Amino acid sequence: MTEIHEGQRVAVLADSQNLYHSAQSVYSRNVDYSKMLEKAVMGRQLTRAIAYVIRADSPDEESFFEALRDIGFETKIKEIKTFGDGSKKADWDVGISLDAVTLADHVDTLILCTGDADFSRLCSHLRHEGVRVEVVAFEESAAADLKAAADSFIDMSKREDTFLL
């Protein structure tokens, strides 16, 4: 597996819904995306940073999307779907996975900012392809399978003053 070095090409994929709900449920705070990106990249060569977000018609979401772009994230936006029974669904699991597999040929390391267990198999696949996989998430909401499947895990909970607003 690729070790960490200055010239290493990295991509950061941030599952904003997962991060938001984790930070809110555990700390009632929001994620500092600027610090998260800085700490994830660790001085390496950032190839691409993508934040996957959901448009839910919240009052401050457009300013949040703009702030992400100002930090350096490309935003991919999905509309929330409301079903006939009133239930709502919106997730980016397939989109994140497809982007990760597509980016694998262009980076040395892929950094997943999520605690979602659904990405465990993706981590295994990427590592098999020779890509280093790092996970950045909150310990309290990060799946054990995901952490085990990655090359490294950065626990945002250990430095909440850094990673939270």
N, C-alpha and C. Protein backbone atom coordinates (compact mmCIF):
# COMPACT_ATOMS: atom_id res chain seq x y z
N MET A 1 0.83 -1.19 0.00
CA MET A 1 0.00 0.00 0.00
C MET A 1 0.88 1.25 0.00
N THR A 2 0.40 2.29 -0.59
CA THR A 2 1.10 3.56 -0.67
C THR A 2 1.21 4.17 0.73
N GLU A 3 2.40 4.63 1.05
CA GLU A 3 2.60 5.33 2.32
C GLU A 3 2.35 6.82 2.10
N ILE A 4 2.20 7.55 3.19
CA ILE A 4 1.97 8.99 3.10
C ILE A 4 3.28 9.70 2.75
N HIS A 5 3.25 10.56 1.72
CA HIS A 5 4.40 11.36 1.36
C HIS A 5 3.92 12.65 0.70
N GLU A 6 4.79 13.64 0.66
CA GLU A 6 4.42 14.99 0.23
C GLU A 6 3.84 15.06 -1.18
N GLY A 7 4.38 14.29 -2.12
CA GLY A 7 3.92 14.35 -3.50
C GLY A 7 2.72 13.47 -3.79
N GLN A 8 2.20 12.84 -2.77
CA GLN A 8 1.08 11.93 -2.94
C GLN A 8 -0.16 12.66 -3.44
N ARG A 9 -0.80 12.09 -4.45
CA ARG A 9 -2.03 12.66 -5.00
C ARG A 9 -3.22 12.11 -4.22
N VAL A 10 -4.04 13.02 -3.70
CA VAL A 10 -5.18 12.59 -2.89
C VAL A 10 -6.48 13.20 -3.41
N ALA A 11 -7.56 12.47 -3.20
CA ALA A 11 -8.91 12.97 -3.46
C ALA A 11 -9.68 12.81 -2.16
N VAL A 12 -10.51 13.80 -1.86
CA VAL A 12 -11.32 13.80 -0.64
C VAL A 12 -12.79 13.78 -1.05
N LEU A 13 -13.52 12.77 -0.59
CA LEU A 13 -14.95 12.65 -0.87
C LEU A 13 -15.70 12.73 0.45
N ALA A 14 -16.51 13.78 0.60
CA ALA A 14 -17.19 14.05 1.87
C ALA A 14 -18.68 13.78 1.76
N ASP A 15 -19.15 12.83 2.55
CA ASP A 15 -20.57 12.48 2.65
C ASP A 15 -21.20 13.45 3.64
N SER A 16 -21.64 14.59 3.14
CA SER A 16 -22.09 15.68 4.01
C SER A 16 -23.27 15.29 4.91
N GLN A 17 -24.19 14.49 4.41
CA GLN A 17 -25.33 14.07 5.23
C GLN A 17 -24.86 13.26 6.43
N ASN A 18 -23.98 12.32 6.19
CA ASN A 18 -23.47 11.49 7.27
C ASN A 18 -22.72 12.34 8.29
N LEU A 19 -21.87 13.23 7.83
CA LEU A 19 -21.11 14.09 8.73
C LEU A 19 -22.03 15.00 9.53
N TYR A 20 -23.01 15.58 8.86
CA TYR A 20 -23.94 16.49 9.53
C TYR A 20 -24.70 15.77 10.65
N HIS A 21 -25.28 14.64 10.32
CA HIS A 21 -26.08 13.92 11.32
C HIS A 21 -25.22 13.40 12.46
N SER A 22 -24.01 12.97 12.18
CA SER A 22 -23.10 12.52 13.24
C SER A 22 -22.74 13.67 14.18
N ALA A 23 -22.35 14.80 13.60
CA ALA A 23 -21.96 15.95 14.42
C ALA A 23 -23.12 16.48 15.23
N GLN A 24 -24.30 16.49 14.65
CA GLN A 24 -25.49 16.98 15.36
C GLN A 24 -25.92 16.03 16.47
N SER A 25 -25.94 14.73 16.19
CA SER A 25 -26.43 13.79 17.19
C SER A 25 -25.48 13.65 18.39
N VAL A 26 -24.19 13.74 18.14
CA VAL A 26 -23.23 13.56 19.23
C VAL A 26 -22.88 14.88 19.91
N TYR A 27 -22.73 15.96 19.14
CA TYR A 27 -22.22 17.22 19.69
C TYR A 27 -23.17 18.42 19.56
N SER A 28 -24.23 18.29 18.80
CA SER A 28 -25.12 19.41 18.49
C SER A 28 -24.33 20.58 17.90
N ARG A 29 -23.36 20.24 17.05
CA ARG A 29 -22.52 21.23 16.39
C ARG A 29 -22.39 20.87 14.92
N ASN A 30 -21.76 21.76 14.17
CA ASN A 30 -21.53 21.53 12.74
C ASN A 30 -20.06 21.25 12.47
N VAL A 31 -19.80 20.58 11.37
CA VAL A 31 -18.44 20.23 10.96
C VAL A 31 -17.74 21.46 10.39
N ASP A 32 -16.48 21.62 10.73
CA ASP A 32 -15.64 22.65 10.13
C ASP A 32 -14.97 22.02 8.90
N TYR A 33 -15.57 22.21 7.74
CA TYR A 33 -15.10 21.56 6.51
C TYR A 33 -13.72 22.05 6.10
N SER A 34 -13.40 23.28 6.39
CA SER A 34 -12.09 23.81 6.05
C SER A 34 -11.00 23.06 6.81
N LYS A 35 -11.17 22.90 8.10
CA LYS A 35 -10.19 22.18 8.92
C LYS A 35 -10.17 20.70 8.55
N MET A 36 -11.35 20.14 8.27
CA MET A 36 -11.41 18.73 7.91
C MET A 36 -10.60 18.48 6.63
N LEU A 37 -10.77 19.36 5.64
CA LEU A 37 -10.03 19.21 4.39
C LEU A 37 -8.53 19.37 4.62
N GLU A 38 -8.17 20.37 5.39
CA GLU A 38 -6.75 20.61 5.68
C GLU A 38 -6.12 19.40 6.37
N LYS A 39 -6.76 18.88 7.40
CA LYS A 39 -6.21 17.75 8.16
C LYS A 39 -6.22 16.46 7.34
N ALA A 40 -7.21 16.29 6.48
CA ALA A 40 -7.26 15.10 5.64
C ALA A 40 -6.13 15.11 4.61
N VAL A 41 -5.90 16.25 3.99
CA VAL A 41 -4.88 16.35 2.95
C VAL A 41 -3.47 16.25 3.53
N MET A 42 -3.25 16.80 4.70
CA MET A 42 -1.95 16.74 5.40
C MET A 42 -0.77 17.15 4.53
N GLY A 43 -0.91 18.24 3.78
CA GLY A 43 0.21 18.75 2.99
C GLY A 43 0.47 18.00 1.70
N ARG A 44 -0.34 17.02 1.38
CA ARG A 44 -0.17 16.28 0.13
C ARG A 44 -0.81 17.04 -1.02
N GLN A 45 -0.71 16.51 -2.22
CA GLN A 45 -1.23 17.16 -3.42
C GLN A 45 -2.71 16.83 -3.59
N LEU A 46 -3.57 17.82 -3.37
CA LEU A 46 -5.01 17.61 -3.51
C LEU A 46 -5.38 17.62 -4.99
N THR A 47 -5.89 16.49 -5.44
CA THR A 47 -6.32 16.35 -6.83
C THR A 47 -7.76 16.80 -7.00
N ARG A 48 -8.60 16.41 -6.04
CA ARG A 48 -10.02 16.74 -6.13
C ARG A 48 -10.65 16.61 -4.76
N ALA A 49 -11.55 17.53 -4.43
CA ALA A 49 -12.33 17.47 -3.20
C ALA A 49 -13.80 17.64 -3.60
N ILE A 50 -14.60 16.66 -3.22
CA ILE A 50 -16.02 16.70 -3.58
C ILE A 50 -16.86 16.54 -2.32
N ALA A 51 -17.82 17.44 -2.15
CA ALA A 51 -18.78 17.33 -1.05
C ALA A 51 -20.13 16.96 -1.67
N TYR A 52 -20.69 15.88 -1.18
CA TYR A 52 -21.98 15.39 -1.67
C TYR A 52 -23.05 15.90 -0.73
N VAL A 53 -23.95 16.72 -1.26
CA VAL A 53 -24.95 17.38 -0.42
C VAL A 53 -26.35 17.12 -0.94
N ILE A 54 -27.31 17.35 -0.06
CA ILE A 54 -28.72 17.16 -0.37
C ILE A 54 -29.41 18.51 -0.30
N ARG A 55 -30.19 18.81 -1.33
CA ARG A 55 -31.01 20.03 -1.30
C ARG A 55 -32.34 19.67 -0.65
N ALA A 56 -32.58 20.26 0.52
CA ALA A 56 -33.80 19.95 1.29
C ALA A 56 -34.63 21.19 1.54
N ASP A 57 -34.35 22.26 0.81
CA ASP A 57 -35.06 23.53 0.96
C ASP A 57 -34.97 24.10 2.38
N SER A 58 -33.80 23.95 2.97
CA SER A 58 -33.52 24.56 4.27
C SER A 58 -33.09 26.01 4.03
N PRO A 59 -33.34 26.89 4.99
CA PRO A 59 -33.07 28.32 4.76
C PRO A 59 -31.59 28.65 4.49
N ASP A 60 -30.66 27.95 5.11
CA ASP A 60 -29.25 28.31 4.97
C ASP A 60 -28.46 27.41 4.04
N GLU A 61 -29.13 26.51 3.33
CA GLU A 61 -28.36 25.52 2.57
C GLU A 61 -27.58 26.13 1.41
N GLU A 62 -28.11 27.12 0.73
CA GLU A 62 -27.38 27.72 -0.39
C GLU A 62 -26.10 28.39 0.09
N SER A 63 -26.14 29.05 1.24
CA SER A 63 -24.92 29.66 1.77
C SER A 63 -23.93 28.59 2.21
N PHE A 64 -24.43 27.46 2.70
CA PHE A 64 -23.56 26.33 3.06
C PHE A 64 -22.89 25.77 1.80
N PHE A 65 -23.65 25.58 0.73
CA PHE A 65 -23.08 25.08 -0.52
C PHE A 65 -22.01 26.03 -1.04
N GLU A 66 -22.27 27.33 -0.96
CA GLU A 66 -21.31 28.33 -1.41
C GLU A 66 -20.05 28.31 -0.54
N ALA A 67 -20.22 28.14 0.76
CA ALA A 67 -19.07 28.07 1.67
C ALA A 67 -18.20 26.85 1.34
N LEU A 68 -18.83 25.74 1.02
CA LEU A 68 -18.06 24.55 0.62
C LEU A 68 -17.24 24.83 -0.62
N ARG A 69 -17.83 25.50 -1.60
CA ARG A 69 -17.10 25.84 -2.83
C ARG A 69 -15.95 26.80 -2.53
N ASP A 70 -16.18 27.76 -1.64
CA ASP A 70 -15.12 28.71 -1.27
C ASP A 70 -13.94 28.02 -0.61
N ILE A 71 -14.21 26.97 0.14
CA ILE A 71 -13.16 26.19 0.83
C ILE A 71 -12.34 25.41 -0.19
N GLY A 72 -12.96 25.02 -1.30
CA GLY A 72 -12.25 24.23 -2.30
C GLY A 72 -12.94 22.95 -2.69
N PHE A 73 -14.13 22.73 -2.16
CA PHE A 73 -14.89 21.54 -2.53
C PHE A 73 -15.70 21.80 -3.78
N GLU A 74 -15.75 20.83 -4.65
CA GLU A 74 -16.75 20.78 -5.71
C GLU A 74 -18.01 20.24 -5.02
N THR A 75 -19.16 20.82 -5.28
CA THR A 75 -20.38 20.30 -4.65
C THR A 75 -21.19 19.53 -5.68
N LYS A 76 -21.62 18.37 -5.26
CA LYS A 76 -22.57 17.59 -6.05
C LYS A 76 -23.85 17.59 -5.24
N ILE A 77 -24.91 18.07 -5.88
CA ILE A 77 -26.18 18.31 -5.17
C ILE A 77 -27.25 17.37 -5.69
N LYS A 78 -27.94 16.73 -4.75
CA LYS A 78 -29.06 15.86 -5.10
C LYS A 78 -30.30 16.40 -4.40
N GLU A 79 -31.39 16.38 -5.14
CA GLU A 79 -32.68 16.82 -4.56
C GLU A 79 -33.22 15.71 -3.66
N ILE A 80 -33.80 16.09 -2.54
CA ILE A 80 -34.44 15.12 -1.66
C ILE A 80 -35.72 14.63 -2.33
N LYS A 81 -35.98 13.34 -2.22
CA LYS A 81 -37.18 12.76 -2.82
C LYS A 81 -38.21 12.50 -1.73
N THR A 82 -39.43 12.95 -1.99
CA THR A 82 -40.53 12.70 -1.07
C THR A 82 -41.48 11.72 -1.74
N PHE A 83 -41.80 10.64 -1.03
CA PHE A 83 -42.66 9.60 -1.55
C PHE A 83 -44.10 9.83 -1.15
N GLY A 84 -45.01 9.11 -1.77
CA GLY A 84 -46.45 9.26 -1.53
C GLY A 84 -46.85 9.10 -0.09
N ASP A 85 -46.12 8.27 0.66
CA ASP A 85 -46.45 8.05 2.07
C ASP A 85 -45.85 9.11 2.98
N GLY A 86 -45.19 10.12 2.37
CA GLY A 86 -44.59 11.19 3.16
C GLY A 86 -43.13 10.95 3.55
N SER A 87 -42.65 9.72 3.34
CA SER A 87 -41.25 9.44 3.68
C SER A 87 -40.33 10.14 2.69
N LYS A 88 -39.10 10.39 3.14
CA LYS A 88 -38.12 11.10 2.33
C LYS A 88 -36.86 10.28 2.23
N LYS A 89 -36.18 10.41 1.10
CA LYS A 89 -34.93 9.68 0.90
C LYS A 89 -34.00 10.51 0.04
N ALA A 90 -32.76 10.48 0.42
CA ALA A 90 -31.70 11.09 -0.38
C ALA A 90 -30.37 10.61 0.17
N ASP A 91 -29.64 9.90 -0.63
CA ASP A 91 -28.28 9.55 -0.23
C ASP A 91 -27.42 9.49 -1.47
N TRP A 92 -26.13 9.52 -1.24
CA TRP A 92 -25.16 9.60 -2.31
C TRP A 92 -24.30 8.36 -2.40
N ASP A 93 -24.68 7.25 -1.76
CA ASP A 93 -23.81 6.08 -1.69
C ASP A 93 -23.32 5.62 -3.07
N VAL A 94 -24.23 5.47 -4.01
CA VAL A 94 -23.84 5.00 -5.34
C VAL A 94 -22.97 6.05 -6.03
N GLY A 95 -23.35 7.32 -5.95
CA GLY A 95 -22.57 8.39 -6.57
C GLY A 95 -21.16 8.49 -6.02
N ILE A 96 -21.03 8.40 -4.71
CA ILE A 96 -19.71 8.45 -4.07
C ILE A 96 -18.88 7.25 -4.53
N SER A 97 -19.49 6.09 -4.54
CA SER A 97 -18.77 4.88 -4.94
C SER A 97 -18.30 4.95 -6.39
N LEU A 98 -19.17 5.41 -7.27
CA LEU A 98 -18.78 5.54 -8.68
C LEU A 98 -17.65 6.54 -8.86
N ASP A 99 -17.74 7.68 -8.18
CA ASP A 99 -16.67 8.67 -8.27
C ASP A 99 -15.36 8.12 -7.71
N ALA A 100 -15.43 7.38 -6.62
CA ALA A 100 -14.22 6.81 -6.01
C ALA A 100 -13.54 5.84 -6.96
N VAL A 101 -14.32 4.98 -7.58
CA VAL A 101 -13.76 4.01 -8.53
C VAL A 101 -13.17 4.73 -9.75
N THR A 102 -13.85 5.76 -10.22
CA THR A 102 -13.36 6.54 -11.37
C THR A 102 -12.07 7.27 -11.03
N LEU A 103 -11.99 7.84 -9.82
CA LEU A 103 -10.80 8.59 -9.41
C LEU A 103 -9.62 7.70 -9.06
N ALA A 104 -9.86 6.43 -8.80
CA ALA A 104 -8.81 5.52 -8.34
C ALA A 104 -7.59 5.48 -9.26
N ASP A 105 -7.80 5.62 -10.54
CA ASP A 105 -6.67 5.60 -11.48
C ASP A 105 -5.88 6.91 -11.50
N HIS A 106 -6.38 7.93 -10.82
CA HIS A 106 -5.75 9.25 -10.88
C HIS A 106 -5.17 9.72 -9.55
N VAL A 107 -5.30 8.90 -8.52
CA VAL A 107 -4.81 9.29 -7.19
C VAL A 107 -4.04 8.14 -6.55
N ASP A 108 -3.25 8.50 -5.55
CA ASP A 108 -2.57 7.49 -4.74
C ASP A 108 -3.40 7.12 -3.52
N THR A 109 -4.15 8.13 -3.02
CA THR A 109 -4.95 7.95 -1.81
C THR A 109 -6.33 8.55 -2.00
N LEU A 110 -7.32 7.82 -1.56
CA LEU A 110 -8.69 8.32 -1.56
C LEU A 110 -9.12 8.45 -0.10
N ILE A 111 -9.61 9.63 0.25
CA ILE A 111 -10.03 9.90 1.62
C ILE A 111 -11.54 10.01 1.65
N LEU A 112 -12.17 9.10 2.38
CA LEU A 112 -13.62 9.10 2.54
C LEU A 112 -13.97 9.75 3.87
N CYS A 113 -14.74 10.81 3.82
CA CYS A 113 -15.19 11.49 5.03
C CYS A 113 -16.62 11.04 5.29
N THR A 114 -16.74 9.94 5.99
CA THR A 114 -18.02 9.32 6.31
C THR A 114 -17.79 8.20 7.31
N GLY A 115 -18.82 7.86 8.03
CA GLY A 115 -18.75 6.71 8.93
C GLY A 115 -19.65 5.59 8.47
N ASP A 116 -20.21 5.71 7.28
CA ASP A 116 -21.22 4.81 6.75
C ASP A 116 -20.62 3.44 6.40
N ALA A 117 -21.17 2.39 7.00
CA ALA A 117 -20.70 1.02 6.78
C ALA A 117 -20.86 0.59 5.33
N ASP A 118 -21.76 1.22 4.59
CA ASP A 118 -21.98 0.84 3.20
C ASP A 118 -20.72 1.00 2.35
N PHE A 119 -19.75 1.77 2.82
CA PHE A 119 -18.53 2.00 2.05
C PHE A 119 -17.41 1.01 2.38
N SER A 120 -17.67 0.06 3.24
CA SER A 120 -16.64 -0.93 3.60
C SER A 120 -16.17 -1.72 2.39
N ARG A 121 -17.11 -2.18 1.60
CA ARG A 121 -16.74 -2.96 0.41
C ARG A 121 -15.98 -2.10 -0.59
N LEU A 122 -16.35 -0.83 -0.71
CA LEU A 122 -15.64 0.09 -1.59
C LEU A 122 -14.18 0.21 -1.14
N CYS A 123 -13.95 0.35 0.16
CA CYS A 123 -12.58 0.44 0.68
C CYS A 123 -11.77 -0.79 0.29
N SER A 124 -12.36 -1.95 0.47
CA SER A 124 -11.66 -3.20 0.14
C SER A 124 -11.32 -3.24 -1.35
N HIS A 125 -12.25 -2.84 -2.18
CA HIS A 125 -12.02 -2.84 -3.62
C HIS A 125 -10.88 -1.88 -3.99
N LEU A 126 -10.93 -0.67 -3.47
CA LEU A 126 -9.90 0.33 -3.79
C LEU A 126 -8.52 -0.14 -3.33
N ARG A 127 -8.45 -0.70 -2.15
CA ARG A 127 -7.17 -1.20 -1.65
C ARG A 127 -6.64 -2.33 -2.54
N HIS A 128 -7.53 -3.19 -2.98
CA HIS A 128 -7.15 -4.27 -3.88
C HIS A 128 -6.57 -3.70 -5.19
N GLU A 129 -7.07 -2.55 -5.59
CA GLU A 129 -6.60 -1.88 -6.81
C GLU A 129 -5.32 -1.08 -6.57
N GLY A 130 -4.80 -1.07 -5.34
CA GLY A 130 -3.55 -0.38 -5.04
C GLY A 130 -3.70 1.04 -4.55
N VAL A 131 -4.91 1.44 -4.23
CA VAL A 131 -5.16 2.80 -3.74
C VAL A 131 -5.20 2.77 -2.22
N ARG A 132 -4.49 3.68 -1.60
CA ARG A 132 -4.56 3.83 -0.15
C ARG A 132 -5.90 4.47 0.19
N VAL A 133 -6.58 3.95 1.22
CA VAL A 133 -7.89 4.49 1.61
C VAL A 133 -7.81 4.95 3.06
N GLU A 134 -8.19 6.21 3.27
CA GLU A 134 -8.25 6.77 4.61
C GLU A 134 -9.69 7.18 4.89
N VAL A 135 -10.12 6.97 6.11
CA VAL A 135 -11.47 7.35 6.52
C VAL A 135 -11.36 8.42 7.58
N VAL A 136 -12.14 9.47 7.44
CA VAL A 136 -12.22 10.56 8.40
C VAL A 136 -13.67 10.61 8.88
N ALA A 137 -13.89 10.39 10.18
CA ALA A 137 -15.26 10.36 10.71
C ALA A 137 -15.21 10.45 12.23
N PHE A 138 -16.38 10.50 12.81
CA PHE A 138 -16.51 10.50 14.27
C PHE A 138 -16.56 9.06 14.76
N GLU A 139 -15.73 8.74 15.73
CA GLU A 139 -15.66 7.38 16.27
C GLU A 139 -17.04 6.85 16.68
N GLU A 140 -17.84 7.70 17.31
CA GLU A 140 -19.13 7.26 17.84
C GLU A 140 -20.10 6.80 16.76
N SER A 141 -19.89 7.27 15.54
CA SER A 141 -20.83 6.92 14.48
C SER A 141 -20.14 6.26 13.28
N ALA A 142 -18.90 5.87 13.44
CA ALA A 142 -18.18 5.22 12.36
C ALA A 142 -18.31 3.70 12.51
N ALA A 143 -18.70 3.05 11.46
CA ALA A 143 -18.89 1.60 11.48
C ALA A 143 -17.55 0.89 11.64
N ALA A 144 -17.54 -0.12 12.47
CA ALA A 144 -16.32 -0.91 12.71
C ALA A 144 -15.82 -1.54 11.41
N ASP A 145 -16.74 -2.02 10.57
CA ASP A 145 -16.35 -2.63 9.29
C ASP A 145 -15.65 -1.63 8.38
N LEU A 146 -16.11 -0.39 8.39
CA LEU A 146 -15.50 0.64 7.57
C LEU A 146 -14.09 0.94 8.05
N LYS A 147 -13.94 1.11 9.35
CA LYS A 147 -12.61 1.40 9.90
C LYS A 147 -11.64 0.26 9.62
N ALA A 148 -12.11 -0.96 9.74
CA ALA A 148 -11.26 -2.13 9.50
C ALA A 148 -10.86 -2.25 8.03
N ALA A 149 -11.71 -1.81 7.13
CA ALA A 149 -11.44 -1.93 5.70
C ALA A 149 -10.48 -0.87 5.18
N ALA A 150 -10.28 0.20 5.93
CA ALA A 150 -9.42 1.31 5.50
C ALA A 150 -7.98 1.11 5.95
N ASP A 151 -7.07 1.82 5.28
CA ASP A 151 -5.67 1.80 5.70
C ASP A 151 -5.46 2.60 6.97
N SER A 152 -6.25 3.67 7.13
CA SER A 152 -6.14 4.46 8.36
C SER A 152 -7.47 5.13 8.65
N PHE A 153 -7.63 5.51 9.92
CA PHE A 153 -8.86 6.15 10.38
C PHE A 153 -8.48 7.37 11.19
N ILE A 154 -9.02 8.52 10.81
CA ILE A 154 -8.83 9.75 11.59
C ILE A 154 -10.12 9.98 12.35
N ASP A 155 -10.02 9.95 13.67
CA ASP A 155 -11.18 10.12 14.54
C ASP A 155 -11.38 11.61 14.82
N MET A 156 -12.41 12.17 14.24
CA MET A 156 -12.71 13.58 14.43
C MET A 156 -13.10 13.88 15.88
N SER A 157 -13.56 12.89 16.60
CA SER A 157 -13.97 13.07 17.99
C SER A 157 -12.79 13.38 18.90
N LYS A 158 -11.61 12.91 18.54
CA LYS A 158 -10.44 13.16 19.38
C LYS A 158 -10.00 14.61 19.36
N ARG A 159 -10.44 15.35 18.31
CA ARG A 159 -10.07 16.76 18.20
C ARG A 159 -11.28 17.56 17.82
N GLU A 160 -12.29 17.49 18.67
CA GLU A 160 -13.55 18.17 18.33
C GLU A 160 -13.37 19.68 18.21
N ASP A 161 -12.42 20.27 18.94
CA ASP A 161 -12.19 21.72 18.80
C ASP A 161 -11.62 22.07 17.43
N THR A 162 -10.98 21.12 16.78
CA THR A 162 -10.45 21.33 15.44
C THR A 162 -11.53 21.09 14.38
N PHE A 163 -12.27 20.02 14.53
CA PHE A 163 -13.17 19.58 13.47
C PHE A 163 -14.60 20.10 13.58
N LEU A 164 -14.94 20.76 14.66
CA LEU A 164 -16.31 21.24 14.83
C LEU A 164 -16.35 22.75 15.00
N LEU A 165 -17.40 23.35 14.48
CA LEU A 165 -17.61 24.80 14.65
C LEU A 165 -18.30 25.06 15.97
